[in-house]
């Protein structure tokens, strides 16, 4: 039983430590994304992004095409920032 409790505790800690950092996402977004476009692209009626998975794909597409050297967790931070502030998927 103790082993199970320790395992569950360790898994919970890992999940929390891997959570996206929305403040970092905001900073990264301000540094790189707003150079090309403003927030109107996220709120327009006919926006391209239609799901959370699609949002992640789009952020990675922009990162790769612009040669931005973000790590995966930084991409996740930007996705979380955009989702919380604009998309709400």
PDB file of N, CA and C in Angstrom:
ATOM      1  N   UNK A   1       0.825  -1.196   0.000  1.00  0.00           N
ATOM      2  CA  UNK A   1       0.000   0.000   0.000  1.00  0.00           C
ATOM      3  C   UNK A   1       0.868   1.258   0.000  1.00  0.00           C
ATOM      4  N   UNK A   2       1.934   1.266   0.805  1.00  0.00           N
ATOM      5  CA  UNK A   2       2.824   2.438   0.854  1.00  0.00           C
ATOM      6  C   UNK A   2       3.468   2.699  -0.497  1.00  0.00           C
ATOM      7  N   UNK A   3       3.813   1.626  -1.182  1.00  0.00           N
ATOM      8  CA  UNK A   3       4.424   1.768  -2.499  1.00  0.00           C
ATOM      9  C   UNK A   3       3.445   2.438  -3.454  1.00  0.00           C
ATOM     10  N   UNK A   4       2.203   2.046  -3.405  1.00  0.00           N
ATOM     11  CA  UNK A   4       1.174   2.636  -4.256  1.00  0.00           C
ATOM     12  C   UNK A   4       1.011   4.115  -3.953  1.00  0.00           C
ATOM     13  N   UNK A   5       0.984   4.480  -2.700  1.00  0.00           N
ATOM     14  CA  UNK A   5       0.847   5.895  -2.307  1.00  0.00           C
ATOM     15  C   UNK A   5       2.050   6.691  -2.786  1.00  0.00           C
ATOM     16  N   UNK A   6       3.246   6.144  -2.632  1.00  0.00           N
ATOM     17  CA  UNK A   6       4.447   6.832  -3.106  1.00  0.00           C
ATOM     18  C   UNK A   6       4.428   6.993  -4.624  1.00  0.00           C
ATOM     19  N   UNK A   7       3.974   5.962  -5.319  1.00  0.00           N
ATOM     20  CA  UNK A   7       3.892   6.028  -6.767  1.00  0.00           C
ATOM     21  C   UNK A   7       2.909   7.105  -7.219  1.00  0.00           C
ATOM     22  N   UNK A   8       1.756   7.134  -6.625  1.00  0.00           N
ATOM     23  CA  UNK A   8       0.749   8.142  -6.975  1.00  0.00           C
ATOM     24  C   UNK A   8       1.258   9.542  -6.652  1.00  0.00           C
ATOM     25  N   UNK A   9       1.918   9.706  -5.535  1.00  0.00           N
ATOM     26  CA  UNK A   9       2.480  11.008  -5.169  1.00  0.00           C
ATOM     27  C   UNK A   9       3.535  11.454  -6.171  1.00  0.00           C
ATOM     28  N   UNK A  10       4.389  10.532  -6.573  1.00  0.00           N
ATOM     29  CA  UNK A  10       5.437  10.847  -7.547  1.00  0.00           C
ATOM     30  C   UNK A  10       4.822  11.235  -8.885  1.00  0.00           C
ATOM     31  N   UNK A  11       3.807  10.534  -9.317  1.00  0.00           N
ATOM     32  CA  UNK A  11       3.138  10.845 -10.579  1.00  0.00           C
ATOM     33  C   UNK A  11       2.468  12.210 -10.524  1.00  0.00           C
ATOM     34  N   UNK A  12       1.861  12.548  -9.420  1.00  0.00           N
ATOM     35  CA  UNK A  12       1.217  13.850  -9.260  1.00  0.00           C
ATOM     36  C   UNK A  12       2.251  14.958  -9.314  1.00  0.00           C
ATOM     37  N   UNK A  13       3.379  14.763  -8.649  1.00  0.00           N
ATOM     38  CA  UNK A  13       4.438  15.761  -8.656  1.00  0.00           C
ATOM     39  C   UNK A  13       4.978  15.959 -10.061  1.00  0.00           C
ATOM     40  N   UNK A  14       5.172  14.868 -10.802  1.00  0.00           N
ATOM     41  CA  UNK A  14       5.666  14.948 -12.170  1.00  0.00           C
ATOM     42  C   UNK A  14       4.690  15.710 -13.047  1.00  0.00           C
ATOM     43  N   UNK A  15       3.408  15.439 -12.900  1.00  0.00           N
ATOM     44  CA  UNK A  15       2.405  16.133 -13.706  1.00  0.00           C
ATOM     45  C   UNK A  15       2.414  17.616 -13.398  1.00  0.00           C
ATOM     46  N   UNK A  16       2.524  17.977 -12.142  1.00  0.00           N
ATOM     47  CA  UNK A  16       2.547  19.390 -11.777  1.00  0.00           C
ATOM     48  C   UNK A  16       3.813  20.072 -12.262  1.00  0.00           C
ATOM     49  N   UNK A  17       4.943  19.402 -12.184  1.00  0.00           N
ATOM     50  CA  UNK A  17       6.196  20.017 -12.588  1.00  0.00           C
ATOM     51  C   UNK A  17       6.280  20.187 -14.098  1.00  0.00           C
ATOM     52  N   UNK A  18       5.484  19.433 -14.853  1.00  0.00           N
ATOM     53  CA  UNK A  18       5.480  19.533 -16.303  1.00  0.00           C
ATOM     54  C   UNK A  18       4.384  20.462 -16.824  1.00  0.00           C
ATOM     55  N   UNK A  19       3.653  21.099 -15.938  1.00  0.00           N
ATOM     56  CA  UNK A  19       2.579  21.987 -16.359  1.00  0.00           C
ATOM     57  C   UNK A  19       3.154  23.183 -17.106  1.00  0.00           C
ATOM     58  N   UNK A  20       2.418  23.652 -18.085  1.00  0.00           N
ATOM     59  CA  UNK A  20       2.854  24.797 -18.875  1.00  0.00           C
ATOM     60  C   UNK A  20       2.909  26.050 -18.019  1.00  0.00           C
ATOM     61  N   UNK A  21       3.876  26.890 -18.317  1.00  0.00           N
ATOM     62  CA  UNK A  21       4.089  28.155 -17.611  1.00  0.00           C
ATOM     63  C   UNK A  21       3.491  29.284 -18.438  1.00  0.00           C
ATOM     64  N   UNK A  22       2.295  29.708 -18.066  1.00  0.00           N
ATOM     65  CA  UNK A  22       1.577  30.717 -18.847  1.00  0.00           C
ATOM     66  C   UNK A  22       2.294  32.067 -18.857  1.00  0.00           C
ATOM     67  N   UNK A  23       2.994  32.395 -17.774  1.00  0.00           N
ATOM     68  CA  UNK A  23       3.738  33.662 -17.740  1.00  0.00           C
ATOM     69  C   UNK A  23       4.901  33.630 -18.718  1.00  0.00           C
ATOM     70  N   UNK A  24       5.594  32.503 -18.782  1.00  0.00           N
ATOM     71  CA  UNK A  24       6.664  32.356 -19.760  1.00  0.00           C
ATOM     72  C   UNK A  24       6.091  32.394 -21.170  1.00  0.00           C
ATOM     73  N   UNK A  25       4.947  31.754 -21.367  1.00  0.00           N
ATOM     74  CA  UNK A  25       4.284  31.782 -22.667  1.00  0.00           C
ATOM     75  C   UNK A  25       3.939  33.190 -23.099  1.00  0.00           C
ATOM     76  N   UNK A  26       3.505  34.006 -22.168  1.00  0.00           N
ATOM     77  CA  UNK A  26       3.189  35.402 -22.460  1.00  0.00           C
ATOM     78  C   UNK A  26       4.434  36.160 -22.907  1.00  0.00           C
ATOM     79  N   UNK A  27       5.539  35.939 -22.207  1.00  0.00           N
ATOM     80  CA  UNK A  27       6.794  36.610 -22.556  1.00  0.00           C
ATOM     81  C   UNK A  27       7.303  36.155 -23.919  1.00  0.00           C
ATOM     82  N   UNK A  28       7.297  34.854 -24.159  1.00  0.00           N
ATOM     83  CA  UNK A  28       7.747  34.334 -25.448  1.00  0.00           C
ATOM     84  C   UNK A  28       6.870  34.849 -26.584  1.00  0.00           C
ATOM     85  N   UNK A  29       5.577  34.877 -26.357  1.00  0.00           N
ATOM     86  CA  UNK A  29       4.634  35.387 -27.355  1.00  0.00           C
ATOM     87  C   UNK A  29       4.932  36.853 -27.674  1.00  0.00           C
ATOM     88  N   UNK A  30       5.150  37.652 -26.637  1.00  0.00           N
ATOM     89  CA  UNK A  30       5.438  39.076 -26.832  1.00  0.00           C
ATOM     90  C   UNK A  30       6.750  39.278 -27.598  1.00  0.00           C
ATOM     91  N   UNK A  31       7.732  38.437 -27.324  1.00  0.00           N
ATOM     92  CA  UNK A  31       9.038  38.558 -27.971  1.00  0.00           C
ATOM     93  C   UNK A  31       9.014  38.160 -29.439  1.00  0.00           C
ATOM     94  N   UNK A  32       8.280  37.121 -29.778  1.00  0.00           N
ATOM     95  CA  UNK A  32       8.372  36.553 -31.132  1.00  0.00           C
ATOM     96  C   UNK A  32       7.118  36.692 -31.980  1.00  0.00           C
ATOM     97  N   UNK A  33       5.963  36.493 -31.402  1.00  0.00           N
ATOM     98  CA  UNK A  33       4.733  36.402 -32.202  1.00  0.00           C
ATOM     99  C   UNK A  33       4.184  37.765 -32.609  1.00  0.00           C
ATOM    100  N   UNK A  34       4.256  38.728 -31.728  1.00  0.00           N
ATOM    101  CA  UNK A  34       3.656  40.027 -32.025  1.00  0.00           C
ATOM    102  C   UNK A  34       4.454  40.825 -33.047  1.00  0.00           C
ATOM    103  N   UNK A  35       5.649  40.349 -33.397  1.00  0.00           N
ATOM    104  CA  UNK A  35       6.415  41.009 -34.446  1.00  0.00           C
ATOM    105  C   UNK A  35       5.735  40.835 -35.805  1.00  0.00           C
ATOM    106  N   UNK A  36       5.000  39.741 -35.974  1.00  0.00           N
ATOM    107  CA  UNK A  36       4.329  39.448 -37.249  1.00  0.00           C
ATOM    108  C   UNK A  36       2.849  39.828 -37.258  1.00  0.00           C
ATOM    109  N   UNK A  37       2.213  39.724 -36.111  1.00  0.00           N
ATOM    110  CA  UNK A  37       0.773  39.998 -36.077  1.00  0.00           C
ATOM    111  C   UNK A  37       0.324  40.372 -34.675  1.00  0.00           C
ATOM    112  N   UNK A  38      -0.807  41.041 -34.618  1.00  0.00           N
ATOM    113  CA  UNK A  38      -1.415  41.397 -33.342  1.00  0.00           C
ATOM    114  C   UNK A  38      -2.412  40.342 -32.912  1.00  0.00           C
ATOM    115  N   UNK A  39      -3.121  40.607 -31.851  1.00  0.00           N
ATOM    116  CA  UNK A  39      -4.052  39.625 -31.303  1.00  0.00           C
ATOM    117  C   UNK A  39      -5.321  39.454 -32.137  1.00  0.00           C
ATOM    118  N   UNK A  40      -5.554  40.333 -33.087  1.00  0.00           N
ATOM    119  CA  UNK A  40      -6.767  40.222 -33.910  1.00  0.00           C
ATOM    120  C   UNK A  40      -6.810  38.899 -34.676  1.00  0.00           C
ATOM    121  N   UNK A  41      -5.657  38.329 -34.970  1.00  0.00           N
ATOM    122  CA  UNK A  41      -5.621  37.056 -35.687  1.00  0.00           C
ATOM    123  C   UNK A  41      -6.247  35.931 -34.869  1.00  0.00           C
ATOM    124  N   UNK A  42      -6.192  36.050 -33.555  1.00  0.00           N
ATOM    125  CA  UNK A  42      -6.735  35.012 -32.679  1.00  0.00           C
ATOM    126  C   UNK A  42      -8.229  35.171 -32.457  1.00  0.00           C
ATOM    127  N   UNK A  43      -8.748  36.340 -32.668  1.00  0.00           N
ATOM    128  CA  UNK A  43     -10.149  36.610 -32.360  1.00  0.00           C
ATOM    129  C   UNK A  43     -11.019  36.816 -33.600  1.00  0.00           C
ATOM    130  N   UNK A  44     -10.408  36.758 -34.769  1.00  0.00           N
ATOM    131  CA  UNK A  44     -11.210  36.981 -35.990  1.00  0.00           C
ATOM    132  C   UNK A  44     -12.242  35.877 -36.164  1.00  0.00           C
ATOM    133  N   UNK A  45     -13.310  36.198 -36.829  1.00  0.00           N
ATOM    134  CA  UNK A  45     -14.432  35.268 -36.977  1.00  0.00           C
ATOM    135  C   UNK A  45     -14.048  34.005 -37.746  1.00  0.00           C
ATOM    136  N   UNK A  46     -13.237  34.125 -38.767  1.00  0.00           N
ATOM    137  CA  UNK A  46     -12.870  32.976 -39.600  1.00  0.00           C
ATOM    138  C   UNK A  46     -11.457  32.470 -39.275  1.00  0.00           C
ATOM    139  N   UNK A  47     -11.132  32.386 -37.986  1.00  0.00           N
ATOM    140  CA  UNK A  47      -9.780  31.974 -37.596  1.00  0.00           C
ATOM    141  C   UNK A  47      -9.490  30.543 -38.032  1.00  0.00           C
ATOM    142  N   UNK A  48      -8.222  30.304 -38.327  1.00  0.00           N
ATOM    143  CA  UNK A  48      -7.748  29.032 -38.842  1.00  0.00           C
ATOM    144  C   UNK A  48      -7.764  27.935 -37.780  1.00  0.00           C
ATOM    145  N   UNK A  49      -7.399  28.266 -36.566  1.00  0.00           N
ATOM    146  CA  UNK A  49      -7.284  27.298 -35.480  1.00  0.00           C
ATOM    147  C   UNK A  49      -8.675  26.944 -34.952  1.00  0.00           C
ATOM    148  N   UNK A  50      -8.972  25.626 -34.934  1.00  0.00           N
ATOM    149  CA  UNK A  50     -10.293  25.172 -34.510  1.00  0.00           C
ATOM    150  C   UNK A  50     -10.274  24.191 -33.346  1.00  0.00           C
ATOM    151  N   UNK A  51      -9.068  23.861 -32.827  1.00  0.00           N
ATOM    152  CA  UNK A  51      -8.963  22.921 -31.709  1.00  0.00           C
ATOM    153  C   UNK A  51      -7.637  23.150 -30.984  1.00  0.00           C
ATOM    154  N   UNK A  52      -7.517  22.599 -29.786  1.00  0.00           N
ATOM    155  CA  UNK A  52      -6.269  22.724 -29.033  1.00  0.00           C
ATOM    156  C   UNK A  52      -5.118  22.039 -29.769  1.00  0.00           C
ATOM    157  N   UNK A  53      -5.380  20.884 -30.339  1.00  0.00           N
ATOM    158  CA  UNK A  53      -4.336  20.185 -31.104  1.00  0.00           C
ATOM    159  C   UNK A  53      -3.897  21.021 -32.295  1.00  0.00           C
ATOM    160  N   UNK A  54      -4.855  21.643 -32.960  1.00  0.00           N
ATOM    161  CA  UNK A  54      -4.557  22.492 -34.104  1.00  0.00           C
ATOM    162  C   UNK A  54      -3.771  23.732 -33.676  1.00  0.00           C
ATOM    163  N   UNK A  55      -4.054  24.251 -32.502  1.00  0.00           N
ATOM    164  CA  UNK A  55      -3.312  25.391 -31.965  1.00  0.00           C
ATOM    165  C   UNK A  55      -1.842  25.016 -31.759  1.00  0.00           C
ATOM    166  N   UNK A  56      -1.599  23.851 -31.175  1.00  0.00           N
ATOM    167  CA  UNK A  56      -0.229  23.384 -30.999  1.00  0.00           C
ATOM    168  C   UNK A  56       0.490  23.223 -32.326  1.00  0.00           C
ATOM    169  N   UNK A  57      -0.203  22.663 -33.300  1.00  0.00           N
ATOM    170  CA  UNK A  57       0.370  22.487 -34.633  1.00  0.00           C
ATOM    171  C   UNK A  57       0.713  23.835 -35.253  1.00  0.00           C
ATOM    172  N   UNK A  58      -0.160  24.812 -35.104  1.00  0.00           N
ATOM    173  CA  UNK A  58       0.066  26.128 -35.691  1.00  0.00           C
ATOM    174  C   UNK A  58       1.245  26.846 -35.028  1.00  0.00           C
ATOM    175  N   UNK A  59       1.338  26.767 -33.709  1.00  0.00           N
ATOM    176  CA  UNK A  59       2.460  27.409 -33.004  1.00  0.00           C
ATOM    177  C   UNK A  59       3.769  26.763 -33.455  1.00  0.00           C
ATOM    178  N   UNK A  60       3.793  25.434 -33.567  1.00  0.00           N
ATOM    179  CA  UNK A  60       5.006  24.746 -34.029  1.00  0.00           C
ATOM    180  C   UNK A  60       5.338  25.109 -35.469  1.00  0.00           C
ATOM    181  N   UNK A  61       4.327  25.246 -36.317  1.00  0.00           N
ATOM    182  CA  UNK A  61       4.529  25.653 -37.708  1.00  0.00           C
ATOM    183  C   UNK A  61       5.192  27.029 -37.778  1.00  0.00           C
ATOM    184  N   UNK A  62       4.662  27.972 -37.024  1.00  0.00           N
ATOM    185  CA  UNK A  62       5.241  29.321 -37.012  1.00  0.00           C
ATOM    186  C   UNK A  62       6.666  29.293 -36.472  1.00  0.00           C
ATOM    187  N   UNK A  63       6.877  28.552 -35.380  1.00  0.00           N
ATOM    188  CA  UNK A  63       8.213  28.439 -34.776  1.00  0.00           C
ATOM    189  C   UNK A  63       9.209  27.906 -35.792  1.00  0.00           C
ATOM    190  N   UNK A  64       8.854  26.838 -36.461  1.00  0.00           N
ATOM    191  CA  UNK A  64       9.763  26.203 -37.417  1.00  0.00           C
ATOM    192  C   UNK A  64      10.026  27.091 -38.626  1.00  0.00           C
ATOM    193  N   UNK A  65       8.979  27.725 -39.158  1.00  0.00           N
ATOM    194  CA  UNK A  65       9.142  28.563 -40.347  1.00  0.00           C
ATOM    195  C   UNK A  65       9.929  29.837 -40.068  1.00  0.00           C
ATOM    196  N   UNK A  66       9.870  30.310 -38.842  1.00  0.00           N
ATOM    197  CA  UNK A  66      10.610  31.523 -38.493  1.00  0.00           C
ATOM    198  C   UNK A  66      11.978  31.218 -37.879  1.00  0.00           C
ATOM    199  N   UNK A  67      12.278  29.939 -37.703  1.00  0.00           N
ATOM    200  CA  UNK A  67      13.561  29.552 -37.142  1.00  0.00           C
ATOM    201  C   UNK A  67      13.724  29.913 -35.674  1.00  0.00           C
ATOM    202  N   UNK A  68      12.609  29.920 -34.945  1.00  0.00           N
ATOM    203  CA  UNK A  68      12.642  30.229 -33.514  1.00  0.00           C
ATOM    204  C   UNK A  68      13.123  28.992 -32.773  1.00  0.00           C
ATOM    205  N   UNK A  69      14.080  29.165 -31.893  1.00  0.00           N
ATOM    206  CA  UNK A  69      14.693  28.014 -31.212  1.00  0.00           C
ATOM    207  C   UNK A  69      14.079  27.766 -29.842  1.00  0.00           C
ATOM    208  N   UNK A  70      12.770  27.523 -29.818  1.00  0.00           N
ATOM    209  CA  UNK A  70      12.088  27.177 -28.576  1.00  0.00           C
ATOM    210  C   UNK A  70      12.191  25.682 -28.341  1.00  0.00           C
ATOM    211  N   UNK A  71      12.300  25.301 -27.066  1.00  0.00           N
ATOM    212  CA  UNK A  71      12.191  23.904 -26.673  1.00  0.00           C
ATOM    213  C   UNK A  71      10.708  23.531 -26.658  1.00  0.00           C
ATOM    214  N   UNK A  72      10.421  22.238 -26.595  1.00  0.00           N
ATOM    215  CA  UNK A  72       9.027  21.771 -26.589  1.00  0.00           C
ATOM    216  C   UNK A  72       8.221  22.371 -25.438  1.00  0.00           C
ATOM    217  N   UNK A  73       8.844  22.489 -24.264  1.00  0.00           N
ATOM    218  CA  UNK A  73       8.109  23.042 -23.129  1.00  0.00           C
ATOM    219  C   UNK A  73       7.806  24.524 -23.335  1.00  0.00           C
ATOM    220  N   UNK A  74       8.640  25.235 -24.067  1.00  0.00           N
ATOM    221  CA  UNK A  74       8.361  26.640 -24.364  1.00  0.00           C
ATOM    222  C   UNK A  74       7.216  26.764 -25.360  1.00  0.00           C
ATOM    223  N   UNK A  75       7.160  25.862 -26.323  1.00  0.00           N
ATOM    224  CA  UNK A  75       6.021  25.825 -27.251  1.00  0.00           C
ATOM    225  C   UNK A  75       4.746  25.572 -26.462  1.00  0.00           C
ATOM    226  N   UNK A  76       4.803  24.628 -25.535  1.00  0.00           N
ATOM    227  CA  UNK A  76       3.640  24.331 -24.692  1.00  0.00           C
ATOM    228  C   UNK A  76       3.225  25.558 -23.880  1.00  0.00           C
ATOM    229  N   UNK A  77       4.208  26.327 -23.412  1.00  0.00           N
ATOM    230  CA  UNK A  77       3.905  27.543 -22.654  1.00  0.00           C
ATOM    231  C   UNK A  77       3.149  28.544 -23.521  1.00  0.00           C
ATOM    232  N   UNK A  78       3.581  28.721 -24.760  1.00  0.00           N
ATOM    233  CA  UNK A  78       2.913  29.657 -25.677  1.00  0.00           C
ATOM    234  C   UNK A  78       1.515  29.148 -26.015  1.00  0.00           C
ATOM    235  N   UNK A  79       1.394  27.862 -26.259  1.00  0.00           N
ATOM    236  CA  UNK A  79       0.071  27.274 -26.557  1.00  0.00           C
ATOM    237  C   UNK A  79      -0.867  27.507 -25.375  1.00  0.00           C
ATOM    238  N   UNK A  80      -0.382  27.267 -24.163  1.00  0.00           N
ATOM    239  CA  UNK A  80      -1.212  27.469 -22.970  1.00  0.00           C
ATOM    240  C   UNK A  80      -1.623  28.936 -22.836  1.00  0.00           C
ATOM    241  N   UNK A  81      -0.677  29.839 -23.061  1.00  0.00           N
ATOM    242  CA  UNK A  81      -0.988  31.272 -23.001  1.00  0.00           C
ATOM    243  C   UNK A  81      -2.075  31.642 -24.012  1.00  0.00           C
ATOM    244  N   UNK A  82      -1.893  31.212 -25.253  1.00  0.00           N
ATOM    245  CA  UNK A  82      -2.876  31.533 -26.288  1.00  0.00           C
ATOM    246  C   UNK A  82      -4.233  30.910 -26.001  1.00  0.00           C
ATOM    247  N   UNK A  83      -4.219  29.668 -25.548  1.00  0.00           N
ATOM    248  CA  UNK A  83      -5.484  28.994 -25.256  1.00  0.00           C
ATOM    249  C   UNK A  83      -6.222  29.680 -24.119  1.00  0.00           C
ATOM    250  N   UNK A  84      -5.518  30.013 -23.070  1.00  0.00           N
ATOM    251  CA  UNK A  84      -6.177  30.635 -21.931  1.00  0.00           C
ATOM    252  C   UNK A  84      -6.701  32.034 -22.261  1.00  0.00           C
ATOM    253  N   UNK A  85      -5.953  32.786 -23.043  1.00  0.00           N
ATOM    254  CA  UNK A  85      -6.308  34.175 -23.295  1.00  0.00           C
ATOM    255  C   UNK A  85      -7.196  34.400 -24.516  1.00  0.00           C
ATOM    256  N   UNK A  86      -7.191  33.451 -25.461  1.00  0.00           N
ATOM    257  CA  UNK A  86      -7.957  33.676 -26.703  1.00  0.00           C
ATOM    258  C   UNK A  86      -8.883  32.529 -27.095  1.00  0.00           C
ATOM    259  N   UNK A  87      -8.410  31.317 -27.040  1.00  0.00           N
ATOM    260  CA  UNK A  87      -9.147  30.203 -27.629  1.00  0.00           C
ATOM    261  C   UNK A  87     -10.079  29.469 -26.667  1.00  0.00           C
ATOM    262  N   UNK A  88      -9.637  29.192 -25.475  1.00  0.00           N
ATOM    263  CA  UNK A  88     -10.406  28.470 -24.446  1.00  0.00           C
ATOM    264  C   UNK A  88     -10.927  27.109 -24.910  1.00  0.00           C
ATOM    265  N   UNK A  89     -10.034  26.287 -25.409  1.00  0.00           N
ATOM    266  CA  UNK A  89     -10.414  24.909 -25.784  1.00  0.00           C
ATOM    267  C   UNK A  89     -10.344  24.015 -24.590  1.00  0.00           C
TER     268      UNK A  89
END
